[in-house]
C-alpha atoms as a PDB file:
ATOM      1  CA  UNK A   1      21.528   4.115   3.342  1.00  0.00           C
ATOM      2  CA  UNK A   2      20.242   3.692  -0.036  1.00  0.00           C
ATOM      3  CA  UNK A   3      18.788   1.060  -0.558  1.00  0.00           C
ATOM      4  CA  UNK A   4      17.341  -1.188  -4.522  1.00  0.00           C
ATOM      5  CA  UNK A   5      13.795  -1.702  -4.135  1.00  0.00           C
ATOM      6  CA  UNK A   6      11.548  -3.716  -6.781  1.00  0.00           C
ATOM      7  CA  UNK A   7       7.843  -2.779  -5.098  1.00  0.00           C
ATOM      8  CA  UNK A   8       5.955  -5.349  -6.083  1.00  0.00           C
ATOM      9  CA  UNK A   9       2.171  -4.208  -5.458  1.00  0.00           C
ATOM     10  CA  UNK A  10       1.210  -0.907  -5.275  1.00  0.00           C
ATOM     11  CA  UNK A  11       1.087   1.650  -1.820  1.00  0.00           C
ATOM     12  CA  UNK A  12      -2.352   3.321  -1.578  1.00  0.00           C
ATOM     13  CA  UNK A  13      -3.533   6.022  -0.175  1.00  0.00           C
ATOM     14  CA  UNK A  14      -6.404   7.894   0.560  1.00  0.00           C
ATOM     15  CA  UNK A  15      -6.021  11.591  -0.407  1.00  0.00           C
ATOM     16  CA  UNK A  16      -6.001  14.262   2.997  1.00  0.00           C
ATOM     17  CA  UNK A  17      -4.555  17.694   3.357  1.00  0.00           C
ATOM     18  CA  UNK A  18      -1.718  16.591   5.833  1.00  0.00           C
ATOM     19  CA  UNK A  19       1.373  17.887   6.634  1.00  0.00           C
ATOM     20  CA  UNK A  20       4.765  17.607   8.423  1.00  0.00           C
ATOM     21  CA  UNK A  21       3.697  19.622  11.343  1.00  0.00           C
ATOM     22  CA  UNK A  22       0.517  16.781  11.652  1.00  0.00           C
ATOM     23  CA  UNK A  23       2.458  13.316  11.484  1.00  0.00           C
ATOM     24  CA  UNK A  24       3.306  13.614  14.851  1.00  0.00           C
ATOM     25  CA  UNK A  25      -0.299  13.351  15.613  1.00  0.00           C
ATOM     26  CA  UNK A  26      -1.256  10.556  13.715  1.00  0.00           C
ATOM     27  CA  UNK A  27      -2.129   6.983  14.760  1.00  0.00           C
ATOM     28  CA  UNK A  28       0.640   4.029  15.633  1.00  0.00           C
ATOM     29  CA  UNK A  29       0.709   2.374  12.520  1.00  0.00           C
ATOM     30  CA  UNK A  30      -0.726   5.043  10.316  1.00  0.00           C
ATOM     31  CA  UNK A  31       1.876   5.927   7.230  1.00  0.00           C
ATOM     32  CA  UNK A  32       2.181   9.573   5.960  1.00  0.00           C
ATOM     33  CA  UNK A  33       3.223  10.175   2.352  1.00  0.00           C
ATOM     34  CA  UNK A  34       3.866  12.512  -0.219  1.00  0.00           C
ATOM     35  CA  UNK A  35       4.115  12.934  -3.141  1.00  0.00           C
ATOM     36  CA  UNK A  36       6.463  15.912  -5.925  1.00  0.00           C
ATOM     37  CA  UNK A  37       8.043  17.290  -8.100  1.00  0.00           C
ATOM     38  CA  UNK A  38      11.312  18.117  -7.991  1.00  0.00           C
ATOM     39  CA  UNK A  39      13.469  20.608 -10.225  1.00  0.00           C
ATOM     40  CA  UNK A  40      16.285  23.058  -9.983  1.00  0.00           C
ATOM     41  CA  UNK A  41      15.459  26.990 -10.416  1.00  0.00           C
ATOM     42  CA  UNK A  42      18.819  28.508 -11.848  1.00  0.00           C
ATOM     43  CA  UNK A  43      20.919  26.559  -8.536  1.00  0.00           C
ATOM     44  CA  UNK A  44      18.449  26.059  -6.558  1.00  0.00           C
ATOM     45  CA  UNK A  45      16.336  22.454  -5.625  1.00  0.00           C
ATOM     46  CA  UNK A  46      12.934  23.021  -5.568  1.00  0.00           C
ATOM     47  CA  UNK A  47       9.796  20.931  -4.692  1.00  0.00           C
ATOM     48  CA  UNK A  48       6.300  20.903  -6.353  1.00  0.00           C
ATOM     49  CA  UNK A  49       4.193  18.996  -4.013  1.00  0.00           C
ATOM     50  CA  UNK A  50       1.719  17.121  -6.644  1.00  0.00           C
ATOM     51  CA  UNK A  51      -0.739  15.312  -3.433  1.00  0.00           C
ATOM     52  CA  UNK A  52      -0.385  14.387  -0.034  1.00  0.00           C
ATOM     53  CA  UNK A  53      -2.838  10.907   1.432  1.00  0.00           C
ATOM     54  CA  UNK A  54      -2.746   9.154   4.795  1.00  0.00           C
ATOM     55  CA  UNK A  55      -3.244   5.434   5.359  1.00  0.00           C
ATOM     56  CA  UNK A  56      -4.970   3.703   8.313  1.00  0.00           C
ATOM     57  CA  UNK A  57      -2.839   1.037  10.378  1.00  0.00           C
ATOM     58  CA  UNK A  58      -3.290  -2.837   9.301  1.00  0.00           C
ATOM     59  CA  UNK A  59      -5.428  -4.553  10.549  1.00  0.00           C
ATOM     60  CA  UNK A  60      -4.726  -7.453  12.239  1.00  0.00           C
ATOM     61  CA  UNK A  61      -6.320  -9.589   9.189  1.00  0.00           C
ATOM     62  CA  UNK A  62      -4.657  -7.689   6.523  1.00  0.00           C
ATOM     63  CA  UNK A  63      -1.494  -8.250   8.624  1.00  0.00           C
ATOM     64  CA  UNK A  64      -1.859 -11.738   8.016  1.00  0.00           C
ATOM     65  CA  UNK A  65      -2.848 -11.922   4.139  1.00  0.00           C
ATOM     66  CA  UNK A  66       0.312  -9.624   3.781  1.00  0.00           C
ATOM     67  CA  UNK A  67       2.651 -11.631   6.025  1.00  0.00           C
ATOM     68  CA  UNK A  68       1.913 -14.901   4.037  1.00  0.00           C
ATOM     69  CA  UNK A  69       3.407 -13.586   1.238  1.00  0.00           C
ATOM     70  CA  UNK A  70       0.069 -11.919  -0.335  1.00  0.00           C
ATOM     71  CA  UNK A  71      -0.346  -8.099  -1.365  1.00  0.00           C
ATOM     72  CA  UNK A  72      -3.062  -5.706   1.068  1.00  0.00           C
ATOM     73  CA  UNK A  73      -6.635  -6.009   0.103  1.00  0.00           C
ATOM     74  CA  UNK A  74      -7.214  -3.116  -1.598  1.00  0.00           C
ATOM     75  CA  UNK A  75      -8.948  -0.499   0.262  1.00  0.00           C
ATOM     76  CA  UNK A  76     -11.940   1.577  -1.405  1.00  0.00           C
ATOM     77  CA  UNK A  77     -10.809   4.299  -0.242  1.00  0.00           C
ATOM     78  CA  UNK A  78      -7.277   4.170  -1.246  1.00  0.00           C
ATOM     79  CA  UNK A  79      -6.987   5.606  -5.142  1.00  0.00           C
ATOM     80  CA  UNK A  80      -3.532   8.263  -4.497  1.00  0.00           C
ATOM     81  CA  UNK A  81      -0.202   5.450  -4.773  1.00  0.00           C
ATOM     82  CA  UNK A  82       3.278   4.173  -4.988  1.00  0.00           C
ATOM     83  CA  UNK A  83       2.641   2.812  -8.521  1.00  0.00           C
ATOM     84  CA  UNK A  84       4.750  -0.726  -8.993  1.00  0.00           C
ATOM     85  CA  UNK A  85       7.985  -0.370 -10.111  1.00  0.00           C
ATOM     86  CA  UNK A  86      11.820  -0.505  -9.372  1.00  0.00           C
ATOM     87  CA  UNK A  87      13.208   2.546  -6.884  1.00  0.00           C
ATOM     88  CA  UNK A  88      15.898   3.623  -4.861  1.00  0.00           C
ATOM     89  CA  UNK A  89      14.956   3.939  -1.841  1.00  0.00           C
ATOM     90  CA  UNK A  90      16.585   6.572   1.316  1.00  0.00           C
ATOM     91  CA  UNK A  91      15.494   5.675   4.964  1.00  0.00           C
ATOM     92  CA  UNK A  92      16.199   8.335   7.355  1.00  0.00           C
ATOM     93  CA  UNK A  93      15.211  10.284  10.355  1.00  0.00           C
ATOM     94  CA  UNK A  94      12.345  12.332   8.962  1.00  0.00           C
ATOM     95  CA  UNK A  95      12.580  15.892   7.966  1.00  0.00           C
ATOM     96  CA  UNK A  96      10.900  18.464  10.632  1.00  0.00           C
ATOM     97  CA  UNK A  97      10.039  20.505   7.534  1.00  0.00           C
ATOM     98  CA  UNK A  98       9.406  20.875   3.202  1.00  0.00           C
ATOM     99  CA  UNK A  99      12.144  22.894   3.534  1.00  0.00           C
ATOM    100  CA  UNK A 100      14.474  20.125   4.909  1.00  0.00           C
ATOM    101  CA  UNK A 101      12.979  17.656   2.661  1.00  0.00           C
ATOM    102  CA  UNK A 102      15.789  19.577  -0.423  1.00  0.00           C
ATOM    103  CA  UNK A 103      18.465  18.276   2.036  1.00  0.00           C
ATOM    104  CA  UNK A 104      17.880  14.954   1.719  1.00  0.00           C
ATOM    105  CA  UNK A 105      16.445  14.821  -2.755  1.00  0.00           C
ATOM    106  CA  UNK A 106      19.945  16.975  -3.602  1.00  0.00           C
ATOM    107  CA  UNK A 107      22.345  13.309  -3.337  1.00  0.00           C
ATOM    108  CA  UNK A 108      19.536  12.004  -6.264  1.00  0.00           C
ATOM    109  CA  UNK A 109      19.505  15.317  -8.311  1.00  0.00           C
ATOM    110  CA  UNK A 110      22.873  14.354 -10.032  1.00  0.00           C
ATOM    111  CA  UNK A 111      21.584  11.591 -12.012  1.00  0.00           C
ATOM    112  CA  UNK A 112      18.474  13.527 -12.533  1.00  0.00           C
ATOM    113  CA  UNK A 113      18.165  17.212 -13.028  1.00  0.00           C
ATOM    114  CA  UNK A 114      14.466  17.277 -12.797  1.00  0.00           C
ATOM    115  CA  UNK A 115      12.134  13.977 -11.825  1.00  0.00           C
ATOM    116  CA  UNK A 116       9.642  12.855  -8.994  1.00  0.00           C
ATOM    117  CA  UNK A 117       9.702  11.553  -5.445  1.00  0.00           C
ATOM    118  CA  UNK A 118       7.479  10.040  -3.335  1.00  0.00           C
ATOM    119  CA  UNK A 119       8.397  10.745   0.438  1.00  0.00           C
ATOM    120  CA  UNK A 120       6.430   7.944   3.117  1.00  0.00           C
ATOM    121  CA  UNK A 121       5.747   8.538   6.872  1.00  0.00           C
ATOM    122  CA  UNK A 122       5.644   5.723   9.022  1.00  0.00           C
ATOM    123  CA  UNK A 123       4.788   6.005  13.032  1.00  0.00           C
ATOM    124  CA  UNK A 124       6.220   2.645  14.201  1.00  0.00           C
ATOM    125  CA  UNK A 125       4.933   3.595  17.758  1.00  0.00           C
ATOM    126  CA  UNK A 126       4.867   6.269  20.010  1.00  0.00           C
ATOM    127  CA  UNK A 127       7.850   8.530  19.705  1.00  0.00           C
ATOM    128  CA  UNK A 128       9.362   6.969  16.581  1.00  0.00           C
ATOM    129  CA  UNK A 129       8.343   7.513  13.241  1.00  0.00           C
ATOM    130  CA  UNK A 130      11.320   6.962  10.163  1.00  0.00           C
ATOM    131  CA  UNK A 131      10.922   8.833   6.787  1.00  0.00           C
ATOM    132  CA  UNK A 132      11.670   6.756   3.354  1.00  0.00           C
ATOM    133  CA  UNK A 133      12.113   8.695  -0.365  1.00  0.00           C
ATOM    134  CA  UNK A 134      10.997   6.218  -2.930  1.00  0.00           C
ATOM    135  CA  UNK A 135      13.033   7.710  -6.422  1.00  0.00           C
ATOM    136  CA  UNK A 136      11.663   6.120  -9.659  1.00  0.00           C
ATOM    137  CA  UNK A 137      14.139   4.464 -11.622  1.00  0.00           C
END
């Protein structure tokens, strides 16, 4: 399902060389994010990785702050981010490889032939992981 999202604070990540195959090994509550540039090469959609990063699970203090309606405290080692702004957001079952990612991006390419997409994975528990695609509007 596609949602419109107004992101009111940056989602930050620590630079890390992660890939789709290592996501399952991350601790519960952690996140992984990739920033891609997508474009067409003749008739094929292509993706180019710009950066990848991770975020450790939130501490009790951080959760309490967020649940109180305040932005999370900055973390010194997190310099990559999904910026504040308006996004089309697709939440779905995770792609198992970068090659499969194009299938999820393709419907959004009808209105733009190239652009940026942030791909966020959230490890909800030992068995469940969610993938979110953020397309800047």
